[in-house]
Amino acid sequence: MGFVLGRDSFEHAKTLLGDVNVWHSGDASTSEDKICYVADSGKQQAIMVLASNSEMSMGAVDEVRFLKGEVAFKDRCSKVKLPLKNLQTKSGLFVGMPVKKMKEMLGRPTEEKKELIVYSFYDMKELTPEDPLYSQCEVGGKSTAVRSSGVTAGVARGFVQWLVIWFGPDYVC
């Protein structure tokens, strides 16, 4: 849809999708700022929430959530400039898609339960003594850090009901 998780800000998203107010929820590790948009075709509606972890993301959007149907916070959302059919990721993930199609796109899930499918992606790197994280991450003379991203989907009756796509831009111990 024109923005990149872990890089682009709410302001960039607003230039692409329309003006909307930022709202806040949670505290400490669950503290996040959010904006949201609703796409409505008359028969169906989808909500897209862009979230930024208040402590870790440094202003970048690090999570996008696609939800189908009514939500309690809909009054905080603005109508998106895109038609409902375009409310999807560049790779084609969207709420309402068949689970079979999602699995064809993403492969074998990391974890799968009756109504939940999770894909986790990790990138590990070995740290050198010059890296600021080296001493924090050192265990037994070796220091490594990991960054991760993933997709979580709520499913029912063979279709994706909601999607959460997250990106952790920083390496952590």
N, C-alpha and C. Protein backbone atom coordinates (compact mmCIF):
# COMPACT_ATOMS: atom_id res chain seq x y z
N MET A 1 0.81 -1.20 0.00
CA MET A 1 0.00 0.00 0.00
C MET A 1 0.85 1.25 0.00
N GLY A 2 2.16 1.08 -0.16
CA GLY A 2 3.00 2.24 -0.30
C GLY A 2 3.87 2.58 0.89
N PHE A 3 3.81 1.82 1.96
CA PHE A 3 4.71 2.10 3.09
C PHE A 3 5.35 0.80 3.56
N VAL A 4 6.46 0.95 4.28
CA VAL A 4 7.26 -0.18 4.70
C VAL A 4 7.30 -0.23 6.22
N LEU A 5 6.96 -1.40 6.80
CA LEU A 5 7.03 -1.58 8.25
C LEU A 5 8.46 -1.43 8.72
N GLY A 6 8.62 -0.80 9.86
CA GLY A 6 9.94 -0.61 10.44
C GLY A 6 10.70 0.57 9.88
N ARG A 7 10.16 1.20 8.85
CA ARG A 7 10.83 2.34 8.23
C ARG A 7 9.94 3.58 8.19
N ASP A 8 8.73 3.43 7.70
CA ASP A 8 7.87 4.58 7.46
C ASP A 8 7.04 4.96 8.70
N SER A 9 6.67 6.23 8.76
CA SER A 9 5.97 6.80 9.92
C SER A 9 4.47 6.93 9.64
N PHE A 10 3.74 7.33 10.69
CA PHE A 10 2.32 7.64 10.54
C PHE A 10 2.13 8.75 9.52
N GLU A 11 3.01 9.73 9.55
CA GLU A 11 2.87 10.87 8.63
C GLU A 11 2.93 10.40 7.18
N HIS A 12 3.83 9.47 6.90
CA HIS A 12 3.91 8.92 5.54
C HIS A 12 2.63 8.17 5.19
N ALA A 13 2.13 7.36 6.12
CA ALA A 13 0.90 6.62 5.88
C ALA A 13 -0.27 7.56 5.63
N LYS A 14 -0.31 8.68 6.36
CA LYS A 14 -1.39 9.65 6.18
C LYS A 14 -1.36 10.28 4.80
N THR A 15 -0.17 10.50 4.25
CA THR A 15 -0.10 11.08 2.89
C THR A 15 -0.64 10.09 1.86
N LEU A 16 -0.52 8.80 2.14
CA LEU A 16 -0.99 7.78 1.21
C LEU A 16 -2.47 7.44 1.39
N LEU A 17 -2.91 7.42 2.65
CA LEU A 17 -4.23 6.86 2.97
C LEU A 17 -5.25 7.89 3.46
N GLY A 18 -4.80 9.08 3.82
CA GLY A 18 -5.70 10.11 4.30
C GLY A 18 -5.42 10.49 5.74
N ASP A 19 -5.87 11.68 6.11
CA ASP A 19 -5.61 12.20 7.45
C ASP A 19 -6.45 11.44 8.49
N VAL A 20 -5.87 11.24 9.65
CA VAL A 20 -6.52 10.54 10.76
C VAL A 20 -5.80 10.92 12.04
N ASN A 21 -6.49 10.86 13.16
CA ASN A 21 -5.88 11.18 14.45
C ASN A 21 -5.12 9.98 15.00
N VAL A 22 -4.00 10.26 15.65
CA VAL A 22 -3.21 9.23 16.34
C VAL A 22 -3.83 9.03 17.72
N TRP A 23 -3.96 7.79 18.15
CA TRP A 23 -4.46 7.50 19.49
C TRP A 23 -3.51 6.53 20.18
N HIS A 24 -3.60 6.47 21.49
CA HIS A 24 -2.63 5.74 22.30
C HIS A 24 -3.36 4.72 23.18
N SER A 25 -2.71 3.60 23.43
CA SER A 25 -3.23 2.62 24.39
C SER A 25 -2.06 1.91 25.06
N GLY A 26 -2.33 1.31 26.21
CA GLY A 26 -1.35 0.52 26.92
C GLY A 26 -0.32 1.35 27.66
N ASP A 27 0.54 0.64 28.38
CA ASP A 27 1.67 1.27 29.06
C ASP A 27 2.82 0.28 29.13
N ALA A 28 3.99 0.81 29.42
CA ALA A 28 5.23 0.02 29.48
C ALA A 28 5.41 -0.76 28.17
N SER A 29 5.57 -2.07 28.25
CA SER A 29 5.87 -2.85 27.04
C SER A 29 4.69 -2.94 26.08
N THR A 30 3.48 -2.65 26.54
CA THR A 30 2.31 -2.70 25.65
C THR A 30 1.89 -1.32 25.16
N SER A 31 2.69 -0.32 25.45
CA SER A 31 2.38 1.05 25.05
C SER A 31 2.55 1.22 23.55
N GLU A 32 1.49 1.68 22.88
CA GLU A 32 1.60 1.90 21.45
C GLU A 32 0.71 3.05 20.99
N ASP A 33 1.15 3.69 19.93
CA ASP A 33 0.37 4.70 19.24
C ASP A 33 -0.22 4.03 18.00
N LYS A 34 -1.42 4.48 17.60
CA LYS A 34 -2.10 3.82 16.49
C LYS A 34 -2.85 4.83 15.63
N ILE A 35 -3.04 4.45 14.39
CA ILE A 35 -3.99 5.11 13.50
C ILE A 35 -4.77 4.00 12.82
N CYS A 36 -5.98 4.31 12.37
CA CYS A 36 -6.74 3.26 11.71
C CYS A 36 -7.63 3.81 10.61
N TYR A 37 -7.90 2.93 9.67
CA TYR A 37 -8.71 3.24 8.50
C TYR A 37 -9.75 2.16 8.31
N VAL A 38 -10.89 2.54 7.78
CA VAL A 38 -11.94 1.59 7.46
C VAL A 38 -12.23 1.65 5.96
N ALA A 39 -12.33 0.48 5.36
CA ALA A 39 -12.74 0.37 3.96
C ALA A 39 -14.08 -0.35 3.96
N ASP A 40 -15.04 0.18 3.26
CA ASP A 40 -16.40 -0.35 3.29
C ASP A 40 -16.92 -0.48 1.86
N SER A 41 -17.34 -1.70 1.51
CA SER A 41 -17.89 -1.91 0.17
C SER A 41 -19.42 -1.90 0.18
N GLY A 42 -20.02 -1.64 1.32
CA GLY A 42 -21.47 -1.71 1.45
C GLY A 42 -21.89 -3.04 2.03
N LYS A 43 -21.37 -4.15 1.51
CA LYS A 43 -21.68 -5.48 2.02
C LYS A 43 -20.67 -5.92 3.08
N GLN A 44 -19.43 -5.48 2.92
CA GLN A 44 -18.35 -5.89 3.82
C GLN A 44 -17.54 -4.67 4.23
N GLN A 45 -16.87 -4.82 5.35
CA GLN A 45 -15.93 -3.77 5.75
C GLN A 45 -14.69 -4.41 6.34
N ALA A 46 -13.60 -3.71 6.21
CA ALA A 46 -12.33 -4.14 6.79
C ALA A 46 -11.69 -2.93 7.46
N ILE A 47 -11.04 -3.19 8.57
CA ILE A 47 -10.33 -2.16 9.33
C ILE A 47 -8.84 -2.44 9.22
N MET A 48 -8.06 -1.40 9.00
CA MET A 48 -6.61 -1.52 9.00
C MET A 48 -6.07 -0.61 10.11
N VAL A 49 -5.34 -1.20 11.05
CA VAL A 49 -4.72 -0.45 12.14
C VAL A 49 -3.22 -0.47 11.92
N LEU A 50 -2.61 0.70 11.95
CA LEU A 50 -1.15 0.81 11.90
C LEU A 50 -0.70 1.18 13.30
N ALA A 51 0.24 0.42 13.84
CA ALA A 51 0.68 0.62 15.22
C ALA A 51 2.18 0.84 15.29
N SER A 52 2.57 1.59 16.32
CA SER A 52 3.97 1.89 16.57
C SER A 52 4.23 1.71 18.06
N ASN A 53 5.09 0.77 18.42
CA ASN A 53 5.44 0.56 19.82
C ASN A 53 6.09 1.82 20.36
N SER A 54 5.52 2.37 21.41
CA SER A 54 5.98 3.65 21.94
C SER A 54 7.42 3.63 22.43
N GLU A 55 7.88 2.48 22.92
CA GLU A 55 9.22 2.41 23.50
C GLU A 55 10.30 1.98 22.50
N MET A 56 9.93 1.17 21.51
CA MET A 56 10.95 0.52 20.68
C MET A 56 11.04 1.00 19.24
N SER A 57 9.98 1.53 18.68
CA SER A 57 9.96 1.74 17.22
C SER A 57 10.50 3.07 16.75
N MET A 58 10.75 3.99 17.65
CA MET A 58 11.30 5.31 17.31
C MET A 58 10.47 6.01 16.23
N GLY A 59 9.14 5.88 16.31
CA GLY A 59 8.25 6.59 15.40
C GLY A 59 7.88 5.86 14.13
N ALA A 60 8.50 4.73 13.88
CA ALA A 60 8.16 3.97 12.67
C ALA A 60 6.98 3.04 12.95
N VAL A 61 6.18 2.80 11.94
CA VAL A 61 5.09 1.83 12.04
C VAL A 61 5.74 0.45 12.07
N ASP A 62 5.47 -0.33 13.13
CA ASP A 62 6.09 -1.65 13.21
C ASP A 62 5.09 -2.80 13.20
N GLU A 63 3.80 -2.44 13.07
CA GLU A 63 2.79 -3.49 13.01
C GLU A 63 1.58 -2.99 12.23
N VAL A 64 1.01 -3.86 11.42
CA VAL A 64 -0.24 -3.55 10.73
C VAL A 64 -1.21 -4.68 11.05
N ARG A 65 -2.45 -4.30 11.34
CA ARG A 65 -3.49 -5.27 11.66
C ARG A 65 -4.65 -5.07 10.68
N PHE A 66 -5.11 -6.15 10.11
CA PHE A 66 -6.28 -6.13 9.24
C PHE A 66 -7.38 -6.89 9.96
N LEU A 67 -8.52 -6.26 10.15
CA LEU A 67 -9.63 -6.86 10.87
C LEU A 67 -10.88 -6.83 10.00
N LYS A 68 -11.69 -7.84 10.12
CA LYS A 68 -12.92 -7.94 9.33
C LYS A 68 -14.11 -7.69 10.24
N GLY A 69 -15.06 -6.88 9.79
CA GLY A 69 -16.28 -6.66 10.55
C GLY A 69 -16.20 -5.47 11.49
N GLU A 70 -17.10 -5.45 12.45
CA GLU A 70 -17.22 -4.33 13.39
C GLU A 70 -16.15 -4.40 14.48
N VAL A 71 -15.67 -3.23 14.90
CA VAL A 71 -14.74 -3.12 16.02
C VAL A 71 -15.20 -1.97 16.92
N ALA A 72 -14.90 -2.05 18.20
CA ALA A 72 -15.35 -1.05 19.16
C ALA A 72 -14.75 0.33 18.92
N PHE A 73 -13.58 0.39 18.29
CA PHE A 73 -12.88 1.66 18.09
C PHE A 73 -13.09 2.26 16.71
N LYS A 74 -14.08 1.79 15.98
CA LYS A 74 -14.31 2.25 14.60
C LYS A 74 -14.44 3.77 14.50
N ASP A 75 -14.97 4.42 15.55
CA ASP A 75 -15.13 5.88 15.53
C ASP A 75 -13.80 6.62 15.49
N ARG A 76 -12.70 5.93 15.80
CA ARG A 76 -11.37 6.54 15.73
C ARG A 76 -10.74 6.42 14.34
N CYS A 77 -11.37 5.66 13.47
CA CYS A 77 -10.83 5.39 12.14
C CYS A 77 -11.37 6.39 11.13
N SER A 78 -10.59 6.60 10.08
CA SER A 78 -11.02 7.41 8.94
C SER A 78 -11.30 6.48 7.78
N LYS A 79 -12.18 6.91 6.91
CA LYS A 79 -12.45 6.12 5.72
C LYS A 79 -11.22 6.18 4.82
N VAL A 80 -10.76 5.02 4.39
CA VAL A 80 -9.56 4.94 3.57
C VAL A 80 -9.89 5.34 2.13
N LYS A 81 -8.89 5.87 1.46
CA LYS A 81 -9.05 6.28 0.06
C LYS A 81 -9.09 5.08 -0.88
N LEU A 82 -8.66 3.92 -0.41
CA LEU A 82 -8.58 2.72 -1.25
C LEU A 82 -9.89 1.94 -1.23
N PRO A 83 -10.25 1.29 -2.35
CA PRO A 83 -11.39 0.38 -2.31
C PRO A 83 -11.05 -0.84 -1.45
N LEU A 84 -12.06 -1.48 -0.90
CA LEU A 84 -11.88 -2.63 -0.02
C LEU A 84 -10.97 -3.69 -0.64
N LYS A 85 -11.12 -3.96 -1.92
CA LYS A 85 -10.31 -5.00 -2.57
C LYS A 85 -8.82 -4.67 -2.56
N ASN A 86 -8.45 -3.40 -2.39
CA ASN A 86 -7.04 -3.00 -2.36
C ASN A 86 -6.46 -2.93 -0.96
N LEU A 87 -7.25 -3.24 0.05
CA LEU A 87 -6.77 -3.21 1.42
C LEU A 87 -6.07 -4.54 1.71
N GLN A 88 -4.84 -4.65 1.19
CA GLN A 88 -4.06 -5.86 1.32
C GLN A 88 -2.57 -5.53 1.24
N THR A 89 -1.74 -6.51 1.57
CA THR A 89 -0.30 -6.31 1.50
C THR A 89 0.16 -6.41 0.05
N LYS A 90 1.38 -5.99 -0.19
CA LYS A 90 1.97 -6.07 -1.53
C LYS A 90 1.98 -7.52 -2.04
N SER A 91 2.18 -8.46 -1.12
CA SER A 91 2.22 -9.87 -1.52
C SER A 91 0.83 -10.47 -1.70
N GLY A 92 -0.22 -9.71 -1.32
CA GLY A 92 -1.58 -10.20 -1.55
C GLY A 92 -2.31 -10.75 -0.35
N LEU A 93 -1.77 -10.59 0.86
CA LEU A 93 -2.49 -11.03 2.06
C LEU A 93 -3.63 -10.08 2.36
N PHE A 94 -4.81 -10.61 2.70
CA PHE A 94 -5.96 -9.77 3.05
C PHE A 94 -6.94 -10.57 3.90
N VAL A 95 -7.76 -9.87 4.69
CA VAL A 95 -8.79 -10.55 5.47
C VAL A 95 -9.86 -11.04 4.51
N GLY A 96 -10.34 -12.24 4.78
CA GLY A 96 -11.33 -12.86 3.91
C GLY A 96 -10.74 -13.83 2.90
N MET A 97 -9.40 -13.85 2.80
CA MET A 97 -8.78 -14.76 1.83
C MET A 97 -8.86 -16.20 2.34
N PRO A 98 -8.90 -17.18 1.44
CA PRO A 98 -8.89 -18.57 1.88
C PRO A 98 -7.57 -18.92 2.58
N VAL A 99 -7.66 -19.69 3.66
CA VAL A 99 -6.47 -20.12 4.39
C VAL A 99 -5.53 -20.88 3.46
N LYS A 100 -6.09 -21.68 2.58
CA LYS A 100 -5.28 -22.46 1.64
C LYS A 100 -4.40 -21.54 0.79
N LYS A 101 -4.96 -20.43 0.33
CA LYS A 101 -4.19 -19.48 -0.49
C LYS A 101 -3.07 -18.83 0.33
N MET A 102 -3.37 -18.48 1.60
CA MET A 102 -2.35 -17.88 2.46
C MET A 102 -1.19 -18.86 2.65
N LYS A 103 -1.51 -20.12 2.88
CA LYS A 103 -0.46 -21.13 3.08
C LYS A 103 0.35 -21.35 1.80
N GLU A 104 -0.28 -21.24 0.65
CA GLU A 104 0.46 -21.35 -0.62
C GLU A 104 1.46 -20.20 -0.74
N MET A 105 1.06 -19.01 -0.26
CA MET A 105 1.92 -17.82 -0.35
C MET A 105 3.06 -17.87 0.66
N LEU A 106 2.76 -18.26 1.91
CA LEU A 106 3.73 -18.15 3.00
C LEU A 106 4.41 -19.47 3.35
N GLY A 107 3.91 -20.58 2.86
CA GLY A 107 4.52 -21.87 3.16
C GLY A 107 3.99 -22.47 4.45
N ARG A 108 4.78 -23.35 5.00
CA ARG A 108 4.39 -24.06 6.22
C ARG A 108 4.44 -23.12 7.43
N PRO A 109 3.37 -23.05 8.21
CA PRO A 109 3.37 -22.18 9.39
C PRO A 109 4.35 -22.64 10.46
N THR A 110 4.80 -21.70 11.26
CA THR A 110 5.65 -22.00 12.42
C THR A 110 4.82 -22.71 13.48
N GLU A 111 3.56 -22.27 13.60
CA GLU A 111 2.65 -22.85 14.59
C GLU A 111 1.23 -22.78 14.02
N GLU A 112 0.46 -23.82 14.29
CA GLU A 112 -0.92 -23.83 13.80
C GLU A 112 -1.82 -24.50 14.83
N LYS A 113 -2.87 -23.79 15.19
CA LYS A 113 -3.90 -24.32 16.07
C LYS A 113 -5.22 -24.20 15.32
N LYS A 114 -6.29 -24.63 15.92
CA LYS A 114 -7.59 -24.65 15.23
C LYS A 114 -7.96 -23.31 14.61
N GLU A 115 -7.84 -22.22 15.36
CA GLU A 115 -8.27 -20.92 14.86
C GLU A 115 -7.15 -19.89 14.77
N LEU A 116 -5.89 -20.36 14.79
CA LEU A 116 -4.75 -19.44 14.79
C LEU A 116 -3.60 -20.05 14.00
N ILE A 117 -3.05 -19.25 13.10
CA ILE A 117 -1.88 -19.67 12.31
C ILE A 117 -0.80 -18.60 12.49
N VAL A 118 0.41 -19.04 12.81
CA VAL A 118 1.51 -18.12 13.08
C VAL A 118 2.70 -18.45 12.18
N TYR A 119 3.26 -17.40 11.59
CA TYR A 119 4.51 -17.50 10.83
C TYR A 119 5.51 -16.58 11.53
N SER A 120 6.64 -17.12 11.93
CA SER A 120 7.69 -16.32 12.57
C SER A 120 8.96 -16.42 11.72
N PHE A 121 9.60 -15.29 11.56
CA PHE A 121 10.82 -15.22 10.77
C PHE A 121 11.91 -14.58 11.63
N TYR A 122 13.08 -15.21 11.67
CA TYR A 122 14.18 -14.73 12.51
C TYR A 122 15.45 -14.54 11.70
N ASP A 123 16.22 -13.55 12.09
CA ASP A 123 17.52 -13.30 11.50
C ASP A 123 18.50 -13.14 12.66
N MET A 124 19.44 -14.08 12.79
CA MET A 124 20.44 -14.01 13.86
C MET A 124 21.76 -13.51 13.31
N LYS A 125 22.48 -12.80 14.16
CA LYS A 125 23.82 -12.39 13.77
C LYS A 125 24.75 -12.52 14.97
N GLU A 126 25.99 -12.89 14.66
CA GLU A 126 27.01 -12.96 15.69
C GLU A 126 27.59 -11.56 15.85
N LEU A 127 27.71 -11.14 17.10
CA LEU A 127 28.20 -9.78 17.38
C LEU A 127 29.70 -9.77 17.60
N THR A 128 30.32 -8.67 17.23
CA THR A 128 31.74 -8.47 17.49
C THR A 128 31.89 -7.63 18.76
N PRO A 129 33.07 -7.63 19.38
CA PRO A 129 33.26 -6.83 20.60
C PRO A 129 32.99 -5.33 20.40
N GLU A 130 33.07 -4.84 19.17
CA GLU A 130 32.81 -3.42 18.89
C GLU A 130 31.32 -3.08 18.92
N ASP A 131 30.46 -4.08 18.79
CA ASP A 131 29.01 -3.85 18.76
C ASP A 131 28.53 -3.44 20.15
N PRO A 132 27.71 -2.38 20.26
CA PRO A 132 27.22 -1.91 21.57
C PRO A 132 26.44 -2.99 22.34
N LEU A 133 25.83 -3.95 21.66
CA LEU A 133 25.07 -5.01 22.33
C LEU A 133 25.94 -6.17 22.80
N TYR A 134 27.21 -6.18 22.40
CA TYR A 134 28.06 -7.35 22.63
C TYR A 134 28.04 -7.82 24.08
N SER A 135 28.34 -6.94 25.03
CA SER A 135 28.43 -7.36 26.44
C SER A 135 27.07 -7.76 27.00
N GLN A 136 26.00 -7.14 26.53
CA GLN A 136 24.65 -7.49 27.02
C GLN A 136 24.22 -8.87 26.54
N CYS A 137 24.67 -9.26 25.36
CA CYS A 137 24.22 -10.50 24.72
C CYS A 137 25.19 -11.66 24.92
N GLU A 138 26.32 -11.42 25.56
CA GLU A 138 27.35 -12.44 25.67
C GLU A 138 26.94 -13.55 26.63
N VAL A 139 27.07 -14.78 26.16
CA VAL A 139 26.81 -15.97 26.97
C VAL A 139 27.90 -16.98 26.64
N GLY A 140 28.70 -17.35 27.61
CA GLY A 140 29.73 -18.35 27.40
C GLY A 140 30.77 -17.98 26.37
N GLY A 141 31.14 -16.69 26.29
CA GLY A 141 32.16 -16.25 25.36
C GLY A 141 31.66 -16.00 23.95
N LYS A 142 30.38 -16.17 23.71
CA LYS A 142 29.80 -15.93 22.39
C LYS A 142 28.67 -14.92 22.55
N SER A 143 28.54 -14.04 21.57
CA SER A 143 27.52 -13.01 21.64
C SER A 143 26.72 -12.99 20.33
N THR A 144 25.42 -13.24 20.45
CA THR A 144 24.54 -13.21 19.28
C THR A 144 23.30 -12.39 19.58
N ALA A 145 22.71 -11.87 18.54
CA ALA A 145 21.47 -11.10 18.67
C ALA A 145 20.53 -11.55 17.55
N VAL A 146 19.27 -11.29 17.75
CA VAL A 146 18.25 -11.71 16.79
C VAL A 146 17.28 -10.57 16.52
N ARG A 147 16.77 -10.52 15.31
CA ARG A 147 15.64 -9.64 15.02
C ARG A 147 14.59 -10.52 14.36
N SER A 148 13.33 -10.14 14.52
CA SER A 148 12.28 -11.03 14.06
C SER A 148 11.11 -10.25 13.46
N SER A 149 10.32 -10.98 12.70
CA SER A 149 9.09 -10.45 12.15
C SER A 149 8.13 -11.62 12.03
N GLY A 150 6.89 -11.33 11.70
CA GLY A 150 5.97 -12.43 11.59
C GLY A 150 4.59 -12.03 11.12
N VAL A 151 3.79 -13.05 10.89
CA VAL A 151 2.40 -12.90 10.49
C VAL A 151 1.59 -13.83 11.38
N THR A 152 0.53 -13.30 11.97
CA THR A 152 -0.39 -14.10 12.75
C THR A 152 -1.77 -13.91 12.13
N ALA A 153 -2.47 -15.02 11.93
CA ALA A 153 -3.80 -14.96 11.31
C ALA A 153 -4.82 -15.69 12.17
N GLY A 154 -5.94 -15.04 12.40
CA GLY A 154 -7.09 -15.70 13.01
C GLY A 154 -7.94 -16.26 11.89
N VAL A 155 -8.32 -17.53 12.01
CA VAL A 155 -9.05 -18.18 10.92
C VAL A 155 -10.34 -18.82 11.43
N ALA A 156 -11.32 -18.91 10.55
CA ALA A 156 -12.58 -19.60 10.84
C ALA A 156 -13.19 -20.06 9.53
N ARG A 157 -13.70 -21.27 9.53
CA ARG A 157 -14.38 -21.85 8.36
C ARG A 157 -13.54 -21.76 7.08
N GLY A 158 -12.20 -21.88 7.23
CA GLY A 158 -11.32 -21.91 6.07
C GLY A 158 -10.92 -20.56 5.50
N PHE A 159 -11.27 -19.47 6.22
CA PHE A 159 -10.94 -18.14 5.73
C PHE A 159 -10.24 -17.33 6.82
N VAL A 160 -9.39 -16.39 6.39
CA VAL A 160 -8.67 -15.50 7.30
C VAL A 160 -9.65 -14.43 7.81
N GLN A 161 -9.81 -14.35 9.12
CA GLN A 161 -10.71 -13.39 9.74
C GLN A 161 -9.99 -12.11 10.17
N TRP A 162 -8.72 -12.24 10.56
CA TRP A 162 -7.90 -11.08 10.91
C TRP A 162 -6.43 -11.45 10.69
N LEU A 163 -5.63 -10.42 10.48
CA LEU A 163 -4.19 -10.58 10.24
C LEU A 163 -3.42 -9.56 11.07
N VAL A 164 -2.31 -9.98 11.63
CA VAL A 164 -1.37 -9.06 12.27
C VAL A 164 -0.01 -9.33 11.64
N ILE A 165 0.60 -8.28 11.10
CA ILE A 165 1.92 -8.39 10.50
C ILE A 165 2.84 -7.46 11.28
N TRP A 166 3.93 -8.00 11.81
CA TRP A 166 4.81 -7.20 12.65
C TRP A 166 6.25 -7.33 12.19
N PHE A 167 6.99 -6.29 12.54
CA PHE A 167 8.40 -6.23 12.14
C PHE A 167 9.20 -5.65 13.29
N GLY A 168 10.21 -6.37 13.74
CA GLY A 168 11.13 -5.88 14.75
C GLY A 168 12.40 -5.41 14.07
N PRO A 169 12.58 -4.11 13.86
CA PRO A 169 13.72 -3.63 13.08
C PRO A 169 15.07 -3.77 13.76
N ASP A 170 15.07 -3.89 15.08
CA ASP A 170 16.33 -3.88 15.83
C ASP A 170 16.71 -5.29 16.28
N TYR A 171 18.00 -5.51 16.33
CA TYR A 171 18.52 -6.75 16.91
C TYR A 171 18.47 -6.63 18.43
N VAL A 172 18.07 -7.72 19.09
CA VAL A 172 18.01 -7.78 20.55
C VAL A 172 18.63 -9.09 21.03
N CYS A 173 19.00 -9.12 22.30
CA CYS A 173 19.58 -10.34 22.88
C CYS A 173 18.52 -11.40 23.05
